[in-house]
Amino acid sequence: MADPREIPQLTTELIDMSREYLRQETLEPAKQLGRQAGRGLGGAMAIALGAFFMVLAVYSALKMLLPSGAWWVVLARFITALVAAGGAALVGWRLNRDDY
Protein backbone atom coordinates (compact mmCIF):
# COMPACT_ATOMS: atom_id res chain seq x y z
CA MET A 1 0.00 0.00 0.00
CA ALA A 2 1.16 3.53 -0.68
CA ASP A 3 2.18 5.76 2.12
CA PRO A 4 -0.33 8.64 2.54
CA ARG A 5 2.54 11.13 2.27
CA GLU A 6 3.30 9.83 -1.27
CA ILE A 7 -0.21 10.51 -2.58
CA PRO A 8 0.50 14.11 -3.78
CA GLN A 9 3.63 12.92 -5.61
CA LEU A 10 1.78 9.97 -7.17
CA THR A 11 -1.06 12.29 -8.21
CA THR A 12 1.40 14.68 -9.85
CA GLU A 13 3.06 11.79 -11.70
CA LEU A 14 -0.33 10.48 -12.84
CA ILE A 15 -1.33 13.88 -14.18
CA ASP A 16 2.01 14.28 -15.97
CA MET A 17 1.73 10.81 -17.52
CA SER A 18 -1.85 11.54 -18.58
CA ARG A 19 -0.82 14.79 -20.24
CA GLU A 20 2.05 13.11 -22.07
CA TYR A 21 -0.19 10.25 -23.23
CA LEU A 22 -2.83 12.72 -24.43
CA ARG A 23 -0.20 14.67 -26.36
CA GLN A 24 1.29 11.56 -27.96
CA GLU A 25 -1.94 9.83 -28.85
CA THR A 26 -4.15 12.73 -29.92
CA LEU A 27 -2.28 15.93 -30.67
CA GLU A 28 0.57 14.48 -32.73
CA PRO A 29 -1.71 12.37 -34.99
CA ALA A 30 -4.04 15.36 -35.38
CA LYS A 31 -1.11 17.49 -36.56
CA GLN A 32 -0.09 14.81 -39.06
CA LEU A 33 -3.68 14.53 -40.27
CA GLY A 34 -3.79 18.30 -40.78
CA ARG A 35 -0.60 18.17 -42.86
CA GLN A 36 -1.97 15.37 -45.02
CA ALA A 37 -5.28 17.19 -45.48
CA GLY A 38 -3.41 20.33 -46.53
CA ARG A 39 -1.40 18.40 -49.10
CA GLY A 40 -4.57 16.76 -50.39
CA LEU A 41 -6.34 20.09 -50.78
CA GLY A 42 -3.30 21.60 -52.48
CA GLY A 43 -3.14 18.70 -54.91
CA ALA A 44 -6.86 18.95 -55.63
CA MET A 45 -6.51 22.66 -56.33
CA ALA A 46 -3.60 22.03 -58.69
CA ILE A 47 -5.50 19.34 -60.59
CA ALA A 48 -8.61 21.55 -60.81
CA LEU A 49 -6.56 24.46 -62.12
CA GLY A 50 -4.89 22.19 -64.68
CA ALA A 51 -8.26 20.84 -65.82
CA PHE A 52 -9.59 24.39 -66.18
CA PHE A 53 -6.64 25.42 -68.33
CA MET A 54 -6.97 22.25 -70.41
CA VAL A 55 -10.64 23.01 -71.16
CA LEU A 56 -9.72 26.59 -71.98
CA ALA A 57 -7.03 25.35 -74.37
CA VAL A 58 -9.51 23.01 -76.10
CA TYR A 59 -11.94 25.90 -76.52
CA SER A 60 -9.27 28.22 -77.91
CA ALA A 61 -8.02 25.54 -80.31
CA LEU A 62 -11.53 24.88 -81.58
CA LYS A 63 -12.16 28.59 -82.08
CA MET A 64 -8.99 28.84 -84.14
CA LEU A 65 -9.63 25.69 -86.18
CA LEU A 66 -13.30 26.27 -86.97
CA PRO A 67 -14.36 28.97 -89.44
CA SER A 68 -15.33 32.35 -88.03
CA GLY A 69 -18.94 33.12 -87.26
CA ALA A 70 -21.34 33.19 -84.36
CA TRP A 71 -22.66 29.65 -84.87
CA TRP A 72 -19.16 28.24 -85.11
CA VAL A 73 -18.32 29.77 -81.74
CA VAL A 74 -21.45 28.12 -80.33
CA LEU A 75 -20.32 24.81 -81.83
CA ALA A 76 -16.86 25.26 -80.29
CA ARG A 77 -18.46 25.87 -76.88
CA PHE A 78 -20.70 22.84 -77.26
CA ILE A 79 -17.82 20.56 -78.25
CA THR A 80 -15.76 21.94 -75.36
CA ALA A 81 -18.63 21.20 -72.95
CA LEU A 82 -18.86 17.66 -74.32
CA VAL A 83 -15.11 17.13 -73.90
CA ALA A 84 -15.23 18.48 -70.31
CA ALA A 85 -18.24 16.29 -69.45
CA GLY A 86 -16.49 13.28 -70.98
CA GLY A 87 -13.38 13.94 -68.92
CA ALA A 88 -15.43 14.29 -65.74
CA ALA A 89 -17.31 11.08 -66.54
CA LEU A 90 -14.03 9.26 -67.15
CA VAL A 91 -12.62 10.41 -63.80
CA GLY A 92 -15.86 9.46 -62.02
CA TRP A 93 -15.89 6.05 -63.67
CA ARG A 94 -12.29 5.37 -62.65
CA LEU A 95 -12.93 6.49 -59.08
CA ASN A 96 -15.88 4.13 -58.67
CA ARG A 97 -14.11 0.99 -59.85
CA ASP A 98 -13.61 -1.71 -57.24
CA ASP A 99 -10.72 -3.62 -58.78
CA TYR A 100 -7.90 -1.83 -56.99
PDB file of N, CA and C in Angstrom:
ATOM      1  N   MET A   1       0.818  -1.167   0.000  1.00  0.00           N
ATOM      2  CA  MET A   1       0.000   0.000   0.000  1.00  0.00           C
ATOM      3  C   MET A   1       0.877   1.251   0.000  1.00  0.00           C
ATOM      4  N   ALA A   2       0.390   2.300  -0.610  1.00  0.00           N
ATOM      5  CA  ALA A   2       1.163   3.533  -0.685  1.00  0.00           C
ATOM      6  C   ALA A   2       1.067   4.304   0.625  1.00  0.00           C
ATOM      7  N   ASP A   3       2.144   4.923   0.934  1.00  0.00           N
ATOM      8  CA  ASP A   3       2.182   5.764   2.124  1.00  0.00           C
ATOM      9  C   ASP A   3       1.345   7.018   1.853  1.00  0.00           C
ATOM     10  N   PRO A   4       0.498   7.462   2.773  1.00  0.00           N
ATOM     11  CA  PRO A   4      -0.335   8.639   2.536  1.00  0.00           C
ATOM     12  C   PRO A   4       0.464   9.892   2.195  1.00  0.00           C
ATOM     13  N   ARG A   5       1.721   9.950   2.601  1.00  0.00           N
ATOM     14  CA  ARG A   5       2.539  11.127   2.271  1.00  0.00           C
ATOM     15  C   ARG A   5       2.978  11.113   0.807  1.00  0.00           C
ATOM     16  N   GLU A   6       2.908   9.948   0.139  1.00  0.00           N
ATOM     17  CA  GLU A   6       3.304   9.834  -1.271  1.00  0.00           C
ATOM     18  C   GLU A   6       2.155  10.154  -2.226  1.00  0.00           C
ATOM     19  N   ILE A   7       0.956  10.293  -1.730  1.00  0.00           N
ATOM     20  CA  ILE A   7      -0.214  10.506  -2.584  1.00  0.00           C
ATOM     21  C   ILE A   7      -0.081  11.779  -3.431  1.00  0.00           C
ATOM     22  N   PRO A   8       0.340  12.933  -2.899  1.00  0.00           N
ATOM     23  CA  PRO A   8       0.504  14.105  -3.783  1.00  0.00           C
ATOM     24  C   PRO A   8       1.524  13.877  -4.895  1.00  0.00           C
ATOM     25  N   GLN A   9       2.613  13.196  -4.587  1.00  0.00           N
ATOM     26  CA  GLN A   9       3.633  12.918  -5.607  1.00  0.00           C
ATOM     27  C   GLN A   9       3.074  11.962  -6.659  1.00  0.00           C
ATOM     28  N   LEU A  10       2.370  10.925  -6.224  1.00  0.00           N
ATOM     29  CA  LEU A  10       1.777   9.971  -7.167  1.00  0.00           C
ATOM     30  C   LEU A  10       0.717  10.647  -8.037  1.00  0.00           C
ATOM     31  N   THR A  11      -0.043  11.556  -7.445  1.00  0.00           N
ATOM     32  CA  THR A  11      -1.058  12.290  -8.211  1.00  0.00           C
ATOM     33  C   THR A  11      -0.398  13.171  -9.260  1.00  0.00           C
ATOM     34  N   THR A  12       0.670  13.838  -8.890  1.00  0.00           N
ATOM     35  CA  THR A  12       1.395  14.677  -9.851  1.00  0.00           C
ATOM     36  C   THR A  12       1.969  13.839 -10.982  1.00  0.00           C
ATOM     37  N   GLU A  13       2.528  12.679 -10.662  1.00  0.00           N
ATOM     38  CA  GLU A  13       3.065  11.793 -11.699  1.00  0.00           C
ATOM     39  C   GLU A  13       1.953  11.282 -12.611  1.00  0.00           C
ATOM     40  N   LEU A  14       0.800  10.947 -12.043  1.00  0.00           N
ATOM     41  CA  LEU A  14      -0.327  10.480 -12.842  1.00  0.00           C
ATOM     42  C   LEU A  14      -0.816  11.554 -13.795  1.00  0.00           C
ATOM     43  N   ILE A  15      -0.894  12.777 -13.312  1.00  0.00           N
ATOM     44  CA  ILE A  15      -1.333  13.884 -14.176  1.00  0.00           C
ATOM     45  C   ILE A  15      -0.316  14.122 -15.284  1.00  0.00           C
ATOM     46  N   ASP A  16       0.964  14.091 -14.963  1.00  0.00           N
ATOM     47  CA  ASP A  16       2.007  14.284 -15.974  1.00  0.00           C
ATOM     48  C   ASP A  16       1.973  13.174 -17.015  1.00  0.00           C
ATOM     49  N   MET A  17       1.807  11.924 -16.569  1.00  0.00           N
ATOM     50  CA  MET A  17       1.729  10.811 -17.523  1.00  0.00           C
ATOM     51  C   MET A  17       0.488  10.931 -18.394  1.00  0.00           C
ATOM     52  N   SER A  18      -0.620  11.370 -17.813  1.00  0.00           N
ATOM     53  CA  SER A  18      -1.853  11.538 -18.584  1.00  0.00           C
ATOM     54  C   SER A  18      -1.693  12.620 -19.641  1.00  0.00           C
ATOM     55  N   ARG A  19      -1.064  13.711 -19.263  1.00  0.00           N
ATOM     56  CA  ARG A  19      -0.824  14.786 -20.240  1.00  0.00           C
ATOM     57  C   ARG A  19       0.073  14.319 -21.376  1.00  0.00           C
ATOM     58  N   GLU A  20       1.127  13.612 -21.050  1.00  0.00           N
ATOM     59  CA  GLU A  20       2.049  13.114 -22.070  1.00  0.00           C
ATOM     60  C   GLU A  20       1.349  12.111 -22.991  1.00  0.00           C
ATOM     61  N   TYR A  21       0.549  11.221 -22.422  1.00  0.00           N
ATOM     62  CA  TYR A  21      -0.193  10.252 -23.231  1.00  0.00           C
ATOM     63  C   TYR A  21      -1.169  10.969 -24.154  1.00  0.00           C
ATOM     64  N   LEU A  22      -1.889  11.955 -23.618  1.00  0.00           N
ATOM     65  CA  LEU A  22      -2.833  12.715 -24.426  1.00  0.00           C
ATOM     66  C   LEU A  22      -2.124  13.412 -25.580  1.00  0.00           C
ATOM     67  N   ARG A  23      -0.960  13.993 -25.305  1.00  0.00           N
ATOM     68  CA  ARG A  23      -0.201  14.673 -26.359  1.00  0.00           C
ATOM     69  C   ARG A  23       0.261  13.690 -27.423  1.00  0.00           C
ATOM     70  N   GLN A  24       0.772  12.539 -27.013  1.00  0.00           N
ATOM     71  CA  GLN A  24       1.294  11.561 -27.965  1.00  0.00           C
ATOM     72  C   GLN A  24       0.193  10.920 -28.798  1.00  0.00           C
ATOM     73  N   GLU A  25      -0.923  10.618 -28.174  1.00  0.00           N
ATOM     74  CA  GLU A  25      -1.944   9.828 -28.851  1.00  0.00           C
ATOM     75  C   GLU A  25      -3.022  10.641 -29.553  1.00  0.00           C
ATOM     76  N   THR A  26      -3.122  11.932 -29.261  1.00  0.00           N
ATOM     77  CA  THR A  26      -4.154  12.730 -29.915  1.00  0.00           C
ATOM     78  C   THR A  26      -3.602  13.927 -30.662  1.00  0.00           C
ATOM     79  N   LEU A  27      -2.741  14.697 -30.030  1.00  0.00           N
ATOM     80  CA  LEU A  27      -2.283  15.932 -30.666  1.00  0.00           C
ATOM     81  C   LEU A  27      -1.330  15.667 -31.829  1.00  0.00           C
ATOM     82  N   GLU A  28      -0.385  14.770 -31.654  1.00  0.00           N
ATOM     83  CA  GLU A  28       0.571  14.485 -32.734  1.00  0.00           C
ATOM     84  C   GLU A  28      -0.125  13.879 -33.958  1.00  0.00           C
ATOM     85  N   PRO A  29      -0.998  12.868 -33.803  1.00  0.00           N
ATOM     86  CA  PRO A  29      -1.707  12.374 -34.985  1.00  0.00           C
ATOM     87  C   PRO A  29      -2.606  13.430 -35.625  1.00  0.00           C
ATOM     88  N   ALA A  30      -3.194  14.306 -34.819  1.00  0.00           N
ATOM     89  CA  ALA A  30      -4.036  15.363 -35.382  1.00  0.00           C
ATOM     90  C   ALA A  30      -3.197  16.326 -36.220  1.00  0.00           C
ATOM     91  N   LYS A  31      -1.993  16.626 -35.770  1.00  0.00           N
ATOM     92  CA  LYS A  31      -1.109  17.492 -36.561  1.00  0.00           C
ATOM     93  C   LYS A  31      -0.739  16.831 -37.876  1.00  0.00           C
ATOM     94  N   GLN A  32      -0.431  15.532 -37.834  1.00  0.00           N
ATOM     95  CA  GLN A  32      -0.093  14.813 -39.060  1.00  0.00           C
ATOM     96  C   GLN A  32      -1.291  14.749 -39.999  1.00  0.00           C
ATOM     97  N   LEU A  33      -2.472  14.549 -39.453  1.00  0.00           N
ATOM     98  CA  LEU A  33      -3.676  14.532 -40.274  1.00  0.00           C
ATOM     99  C   LEU A  33      -3.901  15.884 -40.933  1.00  0.00           C
ATOM    100  N   GLY A  34      -3.657  16.954 -40.203  1.00  0.00           N
ATOM    101  CA  GLY A  34      -3.789  18.295 -40.776  1.00  0.00           C
ATOM    102  C   GLY A  34      -2.810  18.524 -41.918  1.00  0.00           C
ATOM    103  N   ARG A  35      -1.583  18.033 -41.776  1.00  0.00           N
ATOM    104  CA  ARG A  35      -0.600  18.174 -42.863  1.00  0.00           C
ATOM    105  C   ARG A  35      -1.051  17.402 -44.098  1.00  0.00           C
ATOM    106  N   GLN A  36      -1.522  16.179 -43.894  1.00  0.00           N
ATOM    107  CA  GLN A  36      -1.971  15.366 -45.020  1.00  0.00           C
ATOM    108  C   GLN A  36      -3.187  15.996 -45.697  1.00  0.00           C
ATOM    109  N   ALA A  37      -4.106  16.533 -44.904  1.00  0.00           N
ATOM    110  CA  ALA A  37      -5.280  17.194 -45.478  1.00  0.00           C
ATOM    111  C   ALA A  37      -4.862  18.422 -46.280  1.00  0.00           C
ATOM    112  N   GLY A  38      -3.902  19.164 -45.792  1.00  0.00           N
ATOM    113  CA  GLY A  38      -3.413  20.329 -46.533  1.00  0.00           C
ATOM    114  C   GLY A  38      -2.783  19.940 -47.857  1.00  0.00           C
ATOM    115  N   ARG A  39      -2.002  18.874 -47.837  1.00  0.00           N
ATOM    116  CA  ARG A  39      -1.404  18.398 -49.099  1.00  0.00           C
ATOM    117  C   ARG A  39      -2.483  17.922 -50.063  1.00  0.00           C
ATOM    118  N   GLY A  40      -3.486  17.238 -49.541  1.00  0.00           N
ATOM    119  CA  GLY A  40      -4.573  16.760 -50.390  1.00  0.00           C
ATOM    120  C   GLY A  40      -5.342  17.906 -51.018  1.00  0.00           C
ATOM    121  N   LEU A  41      -5.634  18.930 -50.228  1.00  0.00           N
ATOM    122  CA  LEU A  41      -6.344  20.090 -50.777  1.00  0.00           C
ATOM    123  C   LEU A  41      -5.481  20.838 -51.791  1.00  0.00           C
ATOM    124  N   GLY A  42      -4.196  20.946 -51.515  1.00  0.00           N
ATOM    125  CA  GLY A  42      -3.305  21.598 -52.483  1.00  0.00           C
ATOM    126  C   GLY A  42      -3.236  20.834 -53.790  1.00  0.00           C
ATOM    127  N   GLY A  43      -3.156  19.519 -53.707  1.00  0.00           N
ATOM    128  CA  GLY A  43      -3.145  18.697 -54.915  1.00  0.00           C
ATOM    129  C   GLY A  43      -4.448  18.794 -55.681  1.00  0.00           C
ATOM    130  N   ALA A  44      -5.561  18.818 -54.968  1.00  0.00           N
ATOM    131  CA  ALA A  44      -6.864  18.950 -55.625  1.00  0.00           C
ATOM    132  C   ALA A  44      -6.984  20.294 -56.337  1.00  0.00           C
ATOM    133  N   MET A  45      -6.476  21.338 -55.696  1.00  0.00           N
ATOM    134  CA  MET A  45      -6.513  22.661 -56.330  1.00  0.00           C
ATOM    135  C   MET A  45      -5.641  22.691 -57.586  1.00  0.00           C
ATOM    136  N   ALA A  46      -4.484  22.057 -57.520  1.00  0.00           N
ATOM    137  CA  ALA A  46      -3.598  22.029 -58.689  1.00  0.00           C
ATOM    138  C   ALA A  46      -4.232  21.258 -59.840  1.00  0.00           C
ATOM    139  N   ILE A  47      -4.855  20.133 -59.534  1.00  0.00           N
ATOM    140  CA  ILE A  47      -5.504  19.345 -60.587  1.00  0.00           C
ATOM    141  C   ILE A  47      -6.687  20.108 -61.175  1.00  0.00           C
ATOM    142  N   ALA A  48      -7.469  20.773 -60.317  1.00  0.00           N
ATOM    143  CA  ALA A  48      -8.613  21.548 -60.811  1.00  0.00           C
ATOM    144  C   ALA A  48      -8.153  22.700 -61.700  1.00  0.00           C
ATOM    145  N   LEU A  49      -7.078  23.358 -61.307  1.00  0.00           N
ATOM    146  CA  LEU A  49      -6.558  24.456 -62.123  1.00  0.00           C
ATOM    147  C   LEU A  49      -6.040  23.933 -63.465  1.00  0.00           C
ATOM    148  N   GLY A  50      -5.364  22.794 -63.436  1.00  0.00           N
ATOM    149  CA  GLY A  50      -4.889  22.192 -64.680  1.00  0.00           C
ATOM    150  C   GLY A  50      -6.035  21.780 -65.591  1.00  0.00           C
ATOM    151  N   ALA A  51      -7.100  21.225 -65.017  1.00  0.00           N
ATOM    152  CA  ALA A  51      -8.263  20.841 -65.821  1.00  0.00           C
ATOM    153  C   ALA A  51      -8.927  22.076 -66.424  1.00  0.00           C
ATOM    154  N   PHE A  52      -9.012  23.150 -65.667  1.00  0.00           N
ATOM    155  CA  PHE A  52      -9.592  24.386 -66.181  1.00  0.00           C
ATOM    156  C   PHE A  52      -8.790  24.909 -67.375  1.00  0.00           C
ATOM    157  N   PHE A  53      -7.468  24.932 -67.233  1.00  0.00           N
ATOM    158  CA  PHE A  53      -6.642  25.423 -68.332  1.00  0.00           C
ATOM    159  C   PHE A  53      -6.697  24.485 -69.539  1.00  0.00           C
ATOM    160  N   MET A  54      -6.856  23.184 -69.301  1.00  0.00           N
ATOM    161  CA  MET A  54      -6.968  22.246 -70.414  1.00  0.00           C
ATOM    162  C   MET A  54      -8.263  22.497 -71.198  1.00  0.00           C
ATOM    163  N   VAL A  55      -9.367  22.717 -70.487  1.00  0.00           N
ATOM    164  CA  VAL A  55     -10.636  23.007 -71.162  1.00  0.00           C
ATOM    165  C   VAL A  55     -10.541  24.338 -71.906  1.00  0.00           C
ATOM    166  N   LEU A  56      -9.898  25.302 -71.314  1.00  0.00           N
ATOM    167  CA  LEU A  56      -9.717  26.593 -71.981  1.00  0.00           C
ATOM    168  C   LEU A  56      -8.873  26.446 -73.245  1.00  0.00           C
ATOM    169  N   ALA A  57      -7.861  25.589 -73.188  1.00  0.00           N
ATOM    170  CA  ALA A  57      -7.026  25.345 -74.371  1.00  0.00           C
ATOM    171  C   ALA A  57      -7.818  24.647 -75.468  1.00  0.00           C
ATOM    172  N   VAL A  58      -8.674  23.691 -75.097  1.00  0.00           N
ATOM    173  CA  VAL A  58      -9.514  23.011 -76.100  1.00  0.00           C
ATOM    174  C   VAL A  58     -10.435  24.020 -76.767  1.00  0.00           C
ATOM    175  N   TYR A  59     -11.040  24.890 -75.970  1.00  0.00           N
ATOM    176  CA  TYR A  59     -11.943  25.900 -76.519  1.00  0.00           C
ATOM    177  C   TYR A  59     -11.203  26.854 -77.466  1.00  0.00           C
ATOM    178  N   SER A  60     -10.027  27.304 -77.048  1.00  0.00           N
ATOM    179  CA  SER A  60      -9.268  28.221 -77.907  1.00  0.00           C
ATOM    180  C   SER A  60      -8.831  27.540 -79.196  1.00  0.00           C
ATOM    181  N   ALA A  61      -8.428  26.271 -79.106  1.00  0.00           N
ATOM    182  CA  ALA A  61      -8.020  25.545 -80.310  1.00  0.00           C
ATOM    183  C   ALA A  61      -9.197  25.357 -81.257  1.00  0.00           C
ATOM    184  N   LEU A  62     -10.353  25.050 -80.728  1.00  0.00           N
ATOM    185  CA  LEU A  62     -11.526  24.878 -81.581  1.00  0.00           C
ATOM    186  C   LEU A  62     -11.938  26.189 -82.227  1.00  0.00           C
ATOM    187  N   LYS A  63     -11.822  27.285 -81.498  1.00  0.00           N
ATOM    188  CA  LYS A  63     -12.156  28.586 -82.083  1.00  0.00           C
ATOM    189  C   LYS A  63     -11.208  28.938 -83.231  1.00  0.00           C
ATOM    190  N   MET A  64      -9.948  28.541 -83.080  1.00  0.00           N
ATOM    191  CA  MET A  64      -8.986  28.840 -84.144  1.00  0.00           C
ATOM    192  C   MET A  64      -9.177  27.916 -85.333  1.00  0.00           C
ATOM    193  N   LEU A  65      -9.517  26.652 -85.101  1.00  0.00           N
ATOM    194  CA  LEU A  65      -9.631  25.685 -86.185  1.00  0.00           C
ATOM    195  C   LEU A  65     -10.934  25.802 -86.975  1.00  0.00           C
ATOM    196  N   LEU A  66     -12.014  26.152 -86.291  1.00  0.00           N
ATOM    197  CA  LEU A  66     -13.302  26.271 -86.974  1.00  0.00           C
ATOM    198  C   LEU A  66     -13.383  27.609 -87.698  1.00  0.00           C
ATOM    199  N   PRO A  67     -14.195  27.681 -88.751  1.00  0.00           N
ATOM    200  CA  PRO A  67     -14.364  28.974 -89.443  1.00  0.00           C
ATOM    201  C   PRO A  67     -14.956  30.021 -88.505  1.00  0.00           C
ATOM    202  N   SER A  68     -14.806  31.287 -88.882  1.00  0.00           N
ATOM    203  CA  SER A  68     -15.331  32.353 -88.028  1.00  0.00           C
ATOM    204  C   SER A  68     -16.832  32.497 -88.237  1.00  0.00           C
ATOM    205  N   GLY A  69     -17.483  32.940 -87.215  1.00  0.00           N
ATOM    206  CA  GLY A  69     -18.936  33.122 -87.258  1.00  0.00           C
ATOM    207  C   GLY A  69     -19.527  32.790 -85.900  1.00  0.00           C
ATOM    208  N   ALA A  70     -20.712  33.357 -85.663  1.00  0.00           N
ATOM    209  CA  ALA A  70     -21.341  33.188 -84.355  1.00  0.00           C
ATOM    210  C   ALA A  70     -21.708  31.731 -84.083  1.00  0.00           C
ATOM    211  N   TRP A  71     -22.235  31.043 -85.089  1.00  0.00           N
ATOM    212  CA  TRP A  71     -22.657  29.655 -84.871  1.00  0.00           C
ATOM    213  C   TRP A  71     -21.470  28.719 -84.706  1.00  0.00           C
ATOM    214  N   TRP A  72     -20.347  29.071 -85.301  1.00  0.00           N
ATOM    215  CA  TRP A  72     -19.156  28.243 -85.112  1.00  0.00           C
ATOM    216  C   TRP A  72     -18.602  28.381 -83.699  1.00  0.00           C
ATOM    217  N   VAL A  73     -18.737  29.572 -83.136  1.00  0.00           N
ATOM    218  CA  VAL A  73     -18.321  29.773 -81.745  1.00  0.00           C
ATOM    219  C   VAL A  73     -19.220  28.958 -80.811  1.00  0.00           C
ATOM    220  N   VAL A  74     -20.526  28.930 -81.118  1.00  0.00           N
ATOM    221  CA  VAL A  74     -21.454  28.124 -80.327  1.00  0.00           C
ATOM    222  C   VAL A  74     -21.083  26.648 -80.432  1.00  0.00           C
ATOM    223  N   LEU A  75     -20.728  26.203 -81.641  1.00  0.00           N
ATOM    224  CA  LEU A  75     -20.316  24.815 -81.827  1.00  0.00           C
ATOM    225  C   LEU A  75     -19.034  24.520 -81.051  1.00  0.00           C
ATOM    226  N   ALA A  76     -18.094  25.448 -81.053  1.00  0.00           N
ATOM    227  CA  ALA A  76     -16.855  25.263 -80.294  1.00  0.00           C
ATOM    228  C   ALA A  76     -17.162  25.142 -78.797  1.00  0.00           C
ATOM    229  N   ARG A  77     -18.080  25.957 -78.293  1.00  0.00           N
ATOM    230  CA  ARG A  77     -18.458  25.872 -76.882  1.00  0.00           C
ATOM    231  C   ARG A  77     -19.146  24.546 -76.580  1.00  0.00           C
ATOM    232  N   PHE A  78     -20.000  24.093 -77.471  1.00  0.00           N
ATOM    233  CA  PHE A  78     -20.702  22.835 -77.263  1.00  0.00           C
ATOM    234  C   PHE A  78     -19.727  21.659 -77.252  1.00  0.00           C
ATOM    235  N   ILE A  79     -18.814  21.648 -78.199  1.00  0.00           N
ATOM    236  CA  ILE A  79     -17.822  20.561 -78.246  1.00  0.00           C
ATOM    237  C   ILE A  79     -16.936  20.607 -76.998  1.00  0.00           C
ATOM    238  N   THR A  80     -16.567  21.808 -76.571  1.00  0.00           N
ATOM    239  CA  THR A  80     -15.763  21.942 -75.357  1.00  0.00           C
ATOM    240  C   THR A  80     -16.526  21.413 -74.140  1.00  0.00           C
ATOM    241  N   ALA A  81     -17.810  21.717 -74.054  1.00  0.00           N
ATOM    242  CA  ALA A  81     -18.631  21.202 -72.947  1.00  0.00           C
ATOM    243  C   ALA A  81     -18.713  19.677 -72.991  1.00  0.00           C
ATOM    244  N   LEU A  82     -18.830  19.114 -74.182  1.00  0.00           N
ATOM    245  CA  LEU A  82     -18.856  17.657 -74.317  1.00  0.00           C
ATOM    246  C   LEU A  82     -17.529  17.033 -73.878  1.00  0.00           C
ATOM    247  N   VAL A  83     -16.427  17.647 -74.281  1.00  0.00           N
ATOM    248  CA  VAL A  83     -15.108  17.132 -73.898  1.00  0.00           C
ATOM    249  C   VAL A  83     -14.933  17.211 -72.375  1.00  0.00           C
ATOM    250  N   ALA A  84     -15.350  18.329 -71.765  1.00  0.00           N
ATOM    251  CA  ALA A  84     -15.227  18.478 -70.312  1.00  0.00           C
ATOM    252  C   ALA A  84     -16.118  17.472 -69.585  1.00  0.00           C
ATOM    253  N   ALA A  85     -17.341  17.267 -70.073  1.00  0.00           N
ATOM    254  CA  ALA A  85     -18.236  16.288 -69.455  1.00  0.00           C
ATOM    255  C   ALA A  85     -17.687  14.875 -69.625  1.00  0.00           C
ATOM    256  N   GLY A  86     -17.107  14.591 -70.768  1.00  0.00           N
ATOM    257  CA  GLY A  86     -16.494  13.281 -70.975  1.00  0.00           C
ATOM    258  C   GLY A  86     -15.314  13.048 -70.044  1.00  0.00           C
ATOM    259  N   GLY A  87     -14.498  14.061 -69.857  1.00  0.00           N
ATOM    260  CA  GLY A  87     -13.379  13.937 -68.924  1.00  0.00           C
ATOM    261  C   GLY A  87     -13.852  13.729 -67.499  1.00  0.00           C
ATOM    262  N   ALA A  88     -14.885  14.460 -67.091  1.00  0.00           N
ATOM    263  CA  ALA A  88     -15.431  14.292 -65.743  1.00  0.00           C
ATOM    264  C   ALA A  88     -16.044  12.906 -65.578  1.00  0.00           C
ATOM    265  N   ALA A  89     -16.728  12.421 -66.607  1.00  0.00           N
ATOM    266  CA  ALA A  89     -17.314  11.079 -66.540  1.00  0.00           C
ATOM    267  C   ALA A  89     -16.221  10.014 -66.462  1.00  0.00           C
ATOM    268  N   LEU A  90     -15.143  10.208 -67.198  1.00  0.00           N
ATOM    269  CA  LEU A  90     -14.033   9.255 -67.150  1.00  0.00           C
ATOM    270  C   LEU A  90     -13.400   9.210 -65.756  1.00  0.00           C
ATOM    271  N   VAL A  91     -13.190  10.367 -65.154  1.00  0.00           N
ATOM    272  CA  VAL A  91     -12.621  10.415 -63.800  1.00  0.00           C
ATOM    273  C   VAL A  91     -13.577   9.760 -62.808  1.00  0.00           C
ATOM    274  N   GLY A  92     -14.874  10.063 -62.917  1.00  0.00           N
ATOM    275  CA  GLY A  92     -15.856   9.461 -62.022  1.00  0.00           C
ATOM    276  C   GLY A  92     -15.935   7.958 -62.188  1.00  0.00           C
ATOM    277  N   TRP A  93     -15.850   7.487 -63.409  1.00  0.00           N
ATOM    278  CA  TRP A  93     -15.887   6.051 -63.669  1.00  0.00           C
ATOM    279  C   TRP A  93     -14.675   5.358 -63.064  1.00  0.00           C
ATOM    280  N   ARG A  94     -13.513   5.981 -63.207  1.00  0.00           N
ATOM    281  CA  ARG A  94     -12.293   5.374 -62.651  1.00  0.00           C
ATOM    282  C   ARG A  94     -12.286   5.402 -61.128  1.00  0.00           C
ATOM    283  N   LEU A  95     -12.892   6.415 -60.529  1.00  0.00           N
ATOM    284  CA  LEU A  95     -12.927   6.487 -59.077  1.00  0.00           C
ATOM    285  C   LEU A  95     -13.871   5.447 -58.479  1.00  0.00           C
ATOM    286  N   ASN A  96     -14.893   5.067 -59.195  1.00  0.00           N
ATOM    287  CA  ASN A  96     -15.879   4.134 -58.669  1.00  0.00           C
ATOM    288  C   ASN A  96     -15.575   2.681 -58.962  1.00  0.00           C
ATOM    289  N   ARG A  97     -14.472   2.391 -59.573  1.00  0.00           N
ATOM    290  CA  ARG A  97     -14.109   0.991 -59.852  1.00  0.00           C
ATOM    291  C   ARG A  97     -13.641   0.311 -58.577  1.00  0.00           C
ATOM    292  N   ASP A  98     -13.951  -0.963 -58.451  1.00  0.00           N
ATOM    293  CA  ASP A  98     -13.615  -1.711 -57.242  1.00  0.00           C
ATOM    294  C   ASP A  98     -12.440  -2.663 -57.416  1.00  0.00           C
ATOM    295  N   ASP A  99     -11.760  -2.628 -58.535  1.00  0.00           N
ATOM    296  CA  ASP A  99     -10.719  -3.621 -58.783  1.00  0.00           C
ATOM    297  C   ASP A  99      -9.333  -3.204 -58.310  1.00  0.00           C
ATOM    298  N   TYR A 100      -9.208  -2.206 -57.533  1.00  0.00           N
ATOM    299  CA  TYR A 100      -7.904  -1.827 -56.991  1.00  0.00           C
ATOM    300  C   TYR A 100      -7.873  -2.221 -55.574  1.00  0.00           C
TER     301      TYR A 100
END
